[in-house]
Amino acid sequence: MKAVRFHEYGGPDVLRYEDVDRPVPGAGQVRVRVAATTFNGVDGNIRAGFMQEPMPLTLPHIPGLDVAGTIDALGEGAGGLEIGDRVIGFLPFVVDGASAEYVLAPAESLAPAPTGIPLADAAALPVVGLTAWQALFDHAELKPGQRILISGAGGAVGGYAVQLAKAAGAHVIATGSPRSIGRVTAAGADEVIDHTAAEVTTAVTDPVDVLLNLAPIDPARFTALAGLVRDGGVVVSSTVWMPAPADQERGVRGIDMYVRSDAEQLSELVARVDRGELTVDVAERVPLADLPSVHARAAAGTLSGKVIVLPTTA
């Protein structure tokens, strides 16, 4: 089969499009014929070698944490699944991913794919959708009527976070750049702030219950934004290399979150997609052989929106 791998850590040029043996599922695993995977920001950090301590890899390594596809082989004990099932999932960080024609997946990590959108597009849901869900509900414990400020809402996680927070009955204030303002507005934010044209700490005139940060941010600016959180509120950040500021005197908690695979939560997201309550936004669809160029564009800061990656079998 064809796959993209890196044999050493480094820049996007270490990625190679090459022939690889088709994997065979072991106990508790299934093999998925990949309809699509995606690019996530963490993929670039893993490839560059920045995540070696928390995520030790065996090289060469196939990236691709998201998968959408069709089960074509079952390992022993992969109960509840059948050959031909259309599934999506968030794959483990430290094993070969879905930037290939076939991938192995733990059976318990998979959820039925949405039926209302193309199977390949559904690859845009697992990692970023789960990040948004867990940030809002596992960590921030968002409740109806609360006010939430989502910093960096123009990214892929932000689009889901805005939709989910609005559906939960929150008042959503979101920041974005000129190229993402339209997407953030369409996602349903009550207030949208262009952070390149206005000072967010001035534009937000009333305290918020939750600050959710989804983008790299200067520490001083992060602390200033945290000052907008009311006493007893919470700051949640997905950028774990930039610790979420807390304020013990005011009872403001700071939480640095790590997304985890959760098939039950993913099934809930799928159900919302199929009910028309959650929109899966895909900015680009690129062939697997072009994945190195996607990494290069991300490193240059010119990638906008969610990119899905299509193998030759899609």
Protein backbone atom coordinates (compact mmCIF):
# COMPACT_ATOMS: atom_id res chain seq x y z
CA MET A 1 0.00 0.00 0.00
CA LYS A 2 0.98 3.65 -0.28
CA ALA A 3 1.70 5.69 2.84
CA VAL A 4 3.47 8.84 3.96
CA ARG A 5 6.16 8.23 6.59
CA PHE A 6 9.07 9.98 8.22
CA HIS A 7 12.24 8.00 8.99
CA GLU A 8 13.81 10.79 11.06
CA TYR A 9 12.58 13.90 12.85
CA GLY A 10 12.85 17.21 11.04
CA GLY A 11 11.12 19.62 8.69
CA PRO A 12 8.35 18.77 6.23
CA ASP A 13 10.97 17.47 3.79
CA VAL A 14 11.48 14.33 5.93
CA LEU A 15 8.05 13.07 4.88
CA ARG A 16 8.20 10.40 2.17
CA TYR A 17 5.40 9.01 0.00
CA GLU A 18 6.33 5.35 -0.34
CA ASP A 19 5.28 1.71 -0.47
CA VAL A 20 4.60 0.04 2.90
CA ASP A 21 3.36 -3.42 3.80
CA ARG A 22 -0.37 -3.60 4.43
CA PRO A 23 -0.84 -4.09 8.22
CA VAL A 24 -2.54 -7.13 9.76
CA PRO A 25 -4.90 -6.57 12.71
CA GLY A 26 -4.02 -8.06 16.06
CA ALA A 27 -6.20 -8.79 19.08
CA GLY A 28 -8.77 -6.07 19.66
CA GLN A 29 -7.88 -4.29 16.42
CA VAL A 30 -9.58 -3.75 13.09
CA ARG A 31 -8.09 -2.75 9.77
CA VAL A 32 -9.69 0.27 8.15
CA ARG A 33 -9.54 1.05 4.44
CA VAL A 34 -8.91 4.76 4.75
CA ALA A 35 -11.28 7.18 3.05
CA ALA A 36 -9.47 10.15 4.59
CA THR A 37 -7.30 11.41 7.39
CA THR A 38 -6.48 15.03 8.26
CA PHE A 39 -3.71 17.38 9.18
CA ASN A 40 -3.68 18.55 12.81
CA GLY A 41 -1.25 21.08 14.24
CA VAL A 42 0.18 18.46 16.60
CA ASP A 43 1.22 16.40 13.54
CA GLY A 44 3.82 19.02 12.71
CA ASN A 45 5.13 19.09 16.27
CA ILE A 46 5.40 15.30 16.36
CA ARG A 47 7.21 15.18 12.99
CA ALA A 48 9.62 17.90 14.08
CA GLY A 49 10.57 15.90 17.19
CA PHE A 50 9.10 18.35 19.72
CA MET A 51 6.90 15.67 21.33
CA GLN A 52 9.42 12.85 21.77
CA GLU A 53 9.21 12.77 25.56
CA PRO A 54 5.41 12.52 25.96
CA MET A 55 4.93 10.62 22.67
CA PRO A 56 7.86 8.26 22.01
CA LEU A 57 7.66 6.83 18.49
CA THR A 58 9.24 3.92 16.68
CA LEU A 59 10.61 5.24 13.39
CA PRO A 60 9.71 5.17 10.58
CA HIS A 61 6.29 6.51 11.54
CA ILE A 62 3.09 7.16 9.60
CA PRO A 63 1.29 10.30 10.86
CA GLY A 64 -2.45 10.90 10.85
CA LEU A 65 -4.51 10.83 14.06
CA ASP A 66 -7.96 11.11 12.47
CA VAL A 67 -9.44 8.35 10.38
CA ALA A 68 -12.63 7.88 8.41
CA GLY A 69 -13.06 4.71 6.43
CA THR A 70 -14.49 1.22 6.06
CA ILE A 71 -13.54 -1.81 8.13
CA ASP A 72 -12.04 -4.51 5.89
CA ALA A 73 -10.50 -6.94 8.40
CA LEU A 74 -11.12 -7.89 12.04
CA GLY A 75 -8.66 -9.02 14.67
CA GLU A 76 -9.54 -11.49 17.40
CA GLY A 77 -11.83 -9.96 20.01
CA ALA A 78 -12.85 -6.93 17.95
CA GLY A 79 -16.43 -7.33 19.08
CA GLY A 80 -19.37 -5.22 17.97
CA LEU A 81 -17.90 -4.36 14.58
CA GLU A 82 -18.32 -5.96 11.18
CA ILE A 83 -16.46 -5.91 7.89
CA GLY A 84 -18.02 -3.16 5.79
CA ASP A 85 -18.86 -0.88 8.73
CA ARG A 86 -18.18 2.80 8.01
CA VAL A 87 -16.37 4.28 10.98
CA ILE A 88 -14.42 7.26 12.28
CA GLY A 89 -11.92 7.48 15.09
CA PHE A 90 -9.09 9.20 16.92
CA LEU A 91 -6.05 6.92 16.70
CA PRO A 92 -3.37 6.53 19.40
CA PHE A 93 -0.51 9.04 19.17
CA VAL A 94 2.36 6.56 19.31
CA VAL A 95 1.36 4.00 16.64
CA ASP A 96 1.19 4.33 12.87
CA GLY A 97 -1.57 6.66 11.77
CA ALA A 98 -3.95 6.98 8.85
CA SER A 99 -1.80 8.77 6.25
CA ALA A 100 -1.98 5.54 4.29
CA GLU A 101 -4.37 3.41 2.29
CA TYR A 102 -5.00 1.13 5.30
CA VAL A 103 -4.57 1.60 9.05
CA LEU A 104 -5.01 -0.48 12.19
CA ALA A 105 -7.28 0.91 14.88
CA PRO A 106 -8.29 -0.24 18.38
CA ALA A 107 -11.88 -1.40 18.04
CA GLU A 108 -12.94 0.52 21.15
CA SER A 109 -11.74 3.83 19.68
CA LEU A 110 -14.13 3.80 16.73
CA ALA A 111 -17.61 5.23 16.29
CA PRO A 112 -20.09 4.80 13.43
CA ALA A 113 -19.48 7.45 10.77
CA PRO A 114 -22.08 10.14 10.12
CA THR A 115 -24.54 9.25 7.39
CA GLY A 116 -25.43 12.78 6.34
CA ILE A 117 -22.03 13.86 5.01
CA PRO A 118 -19.42 12.21 2.75
CA LEU A 119 -17.38 9.57 4.58
CA ALA A 120 -14.09 11.31 3.73
CA ASP A 121 -15.31 14.63 5.16
CA ALA A 122 -16.10 12.90 8.47
CA ALA A 123 -12.35 12.61 9.10
CA ALA A 124 -12.50 16.30 10.02
CA LEU A 125 -14.47 15.51 13.18
CA PRO A 126 -12.64 13.25 15.69
CA VAL A 127 -9.59 15.07 17.10
CA VAL A 128 -10.82 18.65 16.86
CA GLY A 129 -14.41 17.80 17.74
CA LEU A 130 -13.32 15.88 20.84
CA THR A 131 -10.95 18.69 21.81
CA ALA A 132 -13.82 21.17 21.73
CA TRP A 133 -16.22 18.86 23.58
CA GLN A 134 -13.78 17.98 26.35
CA ALA A 135 -12.64 21.58 26.79
CA LEU A 136 -16.20 22.84 27.18
CA PHE A 137 -17.86 20.07 29.14
CA ASP A 138 -15.21 17.91 30.83
CA HIS A 139 -12.98 20.78 31.92
CA ALA A 140 -14.89 24.10 31.85
CA GLU A 141 -18.19 22.40 32.86
CA LEU A 142 -20.01 24.98 30.73
CA LYS A 143 -23.62 25.63 31.74
CA PRO A 144 -26.58 27.37 30.08
CA GLY A 145 -26.57 31.14 30.55
CA GLN A 146 -22.82 31.39 31.12
CA ARG A 147 -20.61 33.73 29.15
CA ILE A 148 -17.61 32.21 27.36
CA LEU A 149 -14.74 33.91 25.55
CA ILE A 150 -13.14 31.66 22.91
CA SER A 151 -9.71 32.95 21.92
CA GLY A 152 -8.51 31.58 18.61
CA ALA A 153 -12.01 30.62 17.48
CA GLY A 154 -11.05 30.83 13.81
CA GLY A 155 -9.26 27.47 13.86
CA ALA A 156 -10.76 24.03 13.35
CA VAL A 157 -11.32 23.40 17.08
CA GLY A 158 -12.82 26.86 17.45
CA GLY A 159 -15.51 26.20 14.87
CA TYR A 160 -16.78 23.23 16.86
CA ALA A 161 -16.33 25.01 20.19
CA VAL A 162 -18.48 27.93 19.07
CA GLN A 163 -21.23 25.63 17.77
CA LEU A 164 -21.23 23.42 20.87
CA ALA A 165 -21.11 26.31 23.34
CA LYS A 166 -23.98 28.05 21.57
CA ALA A 167 -26.02 24.82 21.54
CA ALA A 168 -25.37 24.49 25.29
CA GLY A 169 -27.08 27.83 25.87
CA ALA A 170 -24.00 29.94 26.51
CA HIS A 171 -23.38 33.51 25.36
CA VAL A 172 -20.41 33.09 23.03
CA ILE A 173 -17.78 35.77 22.44
CA ALA A 174 -15.19 34.68 19.89
CA THR A 175 -11.98 36.15 18.55
CA GLY A 176 -10.62 35.62 15.06
CA SER A 177 -8.60 37.20 12.28
CA PRO A 178 -9.96 38.83 9.11
CA ARG A 179 -9.66 35.55 7.18
CA SER A 180 -11.67 33.61 9.77
CA ILE A 181 -14.29 36.14 10.90
CA GLY A 182 -16.82 34.82 8.39
CA ARG A 183 -16.44 31.23 9.61
CA VAL A 184 -16.70 32.25 13.25
CA THR A 185 -19.82 34.27 12.59
CA ALA A 186 -21.39 31.42 10.63
CA ALA A 187 -20.66 29.05 13.52
CA GLY A 188 -23.05 31.11 15.64
CA ALA A 189 -20.98 33.35 17.93
CA ASP A 190 -23.02 36.08 19.63
CA GLU A 191 -20.09 38.50 19.46
CA VAL A 192 -17.07 38.31 17.14
CA ILE A 193 -13.92 40.35 17.78
CA ASP A 194 -11.23 40.86 15.14
CA HIS A 195 -8.20 40.59 17.39
CA THR A 196 -6.03 42.27 14.73
CA ALA A 197 -8.16 45.43 14.82
CA ALA A 198 -9.34 45.68 18.43
CA GLU A 199 -7.96 45.06 21.88
CA VAL A 200 -9.92 42.11 23.22
CA THR A 201 -9.63 43.17 26.85
CA THR A 202 -11.30 46.45 25.94
CA ALA A 203 -13.88 44.99 23.57
CA VAL A 204 -15.18 42.55 26.20
CA THR A 205 -17.01 44.87 28.59
CA ASP A 206 -18.49 42.36 31.06
CA PRO A 207 -16.82 39.46 32.88
CA VAL A 208 -16.94 35.96 31.41
CA ASP A 209 -17.40 32.68 33.23
CA VAL A 210 -15.05 30.74 30.95
CA LEU A 211 -12.00 31.65 28.88
CA LEU A 212 -11.09 28.99 26.33
CA ASN A 213 -7.76 29.54 24.57
CA LEU A 214 -7.13 27.56 21.40
CA ALA A 215 -4.17 29.35 19.82
CA PRO A 216 -0.56 30.26 20.61
CA ILE A 217 -0.57 33.39 22.71
CA ASP A 218 1.89 35.72 24.38
CA PRO A 219 2.00 35.01 28.15
CA ALA A 220 1.30 38.63 29.07
CA ARG A 221 -1.70 38.74 26.73
CA PHE A 222 -2.95 35.43 28.11
CA THR A 223 -2.77 36.79 31.65
CA ALA A 224 -4.62 39.92 30.55
CA LEU A 225 -7.39 37.84 28.98
CA ALA A 226 -7.63 35.75 32.14
CA GLY A 227 -8.36 38.99 33.97
CA LEU A 228 -11.70 39.06 32.15
CA VAL A 229 -12.78 35.88 33.96
CA ARG A 230 -15.11 36.47 36.89
CA ASP A 231 -14.23 35.30 40.40
CA GLY A 232 -14.71 31.55 40.60
CA GLY A 233 -14.46 31.10 36.83
CA VAL A 234 -12.13 28.94 34.76
CA VAL A 235 -9.43 29.26 32.10
CA VAL A 236 -8.96 26.25 29.80
CA SER A 237 -6.15 26.06 27.27
CA SER A 238 -5.37 23.51 24.56
CA THR A 239 -1.90 25.02 24.02
CA VAL A 240 -0.24 23.05 26.79
CA TRP A 241 3.19 24.61 26.24
CA MET A 242 1.61 27.90 27.41
CA PRO A 243 0.22 27.18 30.90
CA ALA A 244 -3.27 28.48 31.59
CA PRO A 245 -3.02 31.35 34.11
CA ALA A 246 -4.86 30.82 37.39
CA ASP A 247 -5.71 33.29 40.15
CA GLN A 248 -6.08 31.57 43.51
CA GLU A 249 -7.10 34.76 45.30
CA ARG A 250 -10.11 35.12 43.00
CA GLY A 251 -10.80 31.39 42.76
CA VAL A 252 -10.05 31.29 39.01
CA ARG A 253 -8.86 27.84 37.94
CA GLY A 254 -6.34 27.29 35.14
CA ILE A 255 -6.58 24.00 33.23
CA ASP A 256 -4.13 22.72 30.60
CA MET A 257 -6.02 20.09 28.65
CA TYR A 258 -4.87 17.07 26.66
CA VAL A 259 -7.43 15.62 24.28
CA ARG A 260 -8.15 11.90 24.59
CA SER A 261 -9.92 9.40 22.40
CA ASP A 262 -13.49 8.74 23.56
CA ALA A 263 -15.81 6.73 21.32
CA GLU A 264 -18.91 7.58 23.38
CA GLN A 265 -18.32 11.32 23.07
CA LEU A 266 -17.47 10.89 19.39
CA SER A 267 -20.77 9.06 18.86
CA GLU A 268 -22.60 12.01 20.41
CA LEU A 269 -20.84 14.39 18.03
CA VAL A 270 -21.79 12.13 15.10
CA ALA A 271 -25.43 12.12 16.24
CA ARG A 272 -25.42 15.92 16.27
CA VAL A 273 -23.97 16.00 12.76
CA ASP A 274 -26.68 13.65 11.52
CA ARG A 275 -29.40 15.75 13.21
CA GLY A 276 -28.07 18.86 11.48
CA GLU A 277 -27.04 20.42 14.79
CA LEU A 278 -23.28 20.39 14.13
CA THR A 279 -21.60 21.42 10.90
CA VAL A 280 -18.39 19.72 9.74
CA ASP A 281 -16.34 22.36 7.94
CA VAL A 282 -13.73 21.21 5.42
CA ALA A 283 -11.52 23.89 3.88
CA GLU A 284 -9.47 21.69 1.54
CA ARG A 285 -9.19 18.15 0.22
CA VAL A 286 -5.70 17.08 -0.90
CA PRO A 287 -4.25 13.77 -2.15
CA LEU A 288 -2.04 11.76 0.19
CA ALA A 289 1.04 12.39 -1.94
CA ASP A 290 0.67 16.12 -1.24
CA LEU A 291 0.76 15.76 2.56
CA PRO A 292 4.37 17.09 2.78
CA SER A 293 3.24 20.35 1.16
CA VAL A 294 0.43 20.64 3.74
CA HIS A 295 3.01 20.32 6.53
CA ALA A 296 5.15 22.96 4.81
CA ARG A 297 2.25 25.39 4.50
CA ALA A 298 1.36 24.85 8.15
CA ALA A 299 4.95 25.54 9.19
CA ALA A 300 4.86 28.76 7.13
CA GLY A 301 1.58 29.83 8.74
CA THR A 302 -0.36 29.86 5.47
CA LEU A 303 -2.75 26.98 6.18
CA SER A 304 -6.32 28.08 6.93
CA GLY A 305 -9.16 25.81 7.94
CA LYS A 306 -9.38 22.04 8.18
CA VAL A 307 -7.53 20.01 5.55
CA ILE A 308 -8.50 16.42 4.84
CA VAL A 309 -6.08 14.05 3.13
CA LEU A 310 -7.29 11.46 0.63
CA PRO A 311 -5.43 8.21 -0.18
CA THR A 312 -5.66 6.60 -3.60
CA THR A 313 -8.31 4.17 -2.39
CA ALA A 314 -10.77 6.94 -1.44
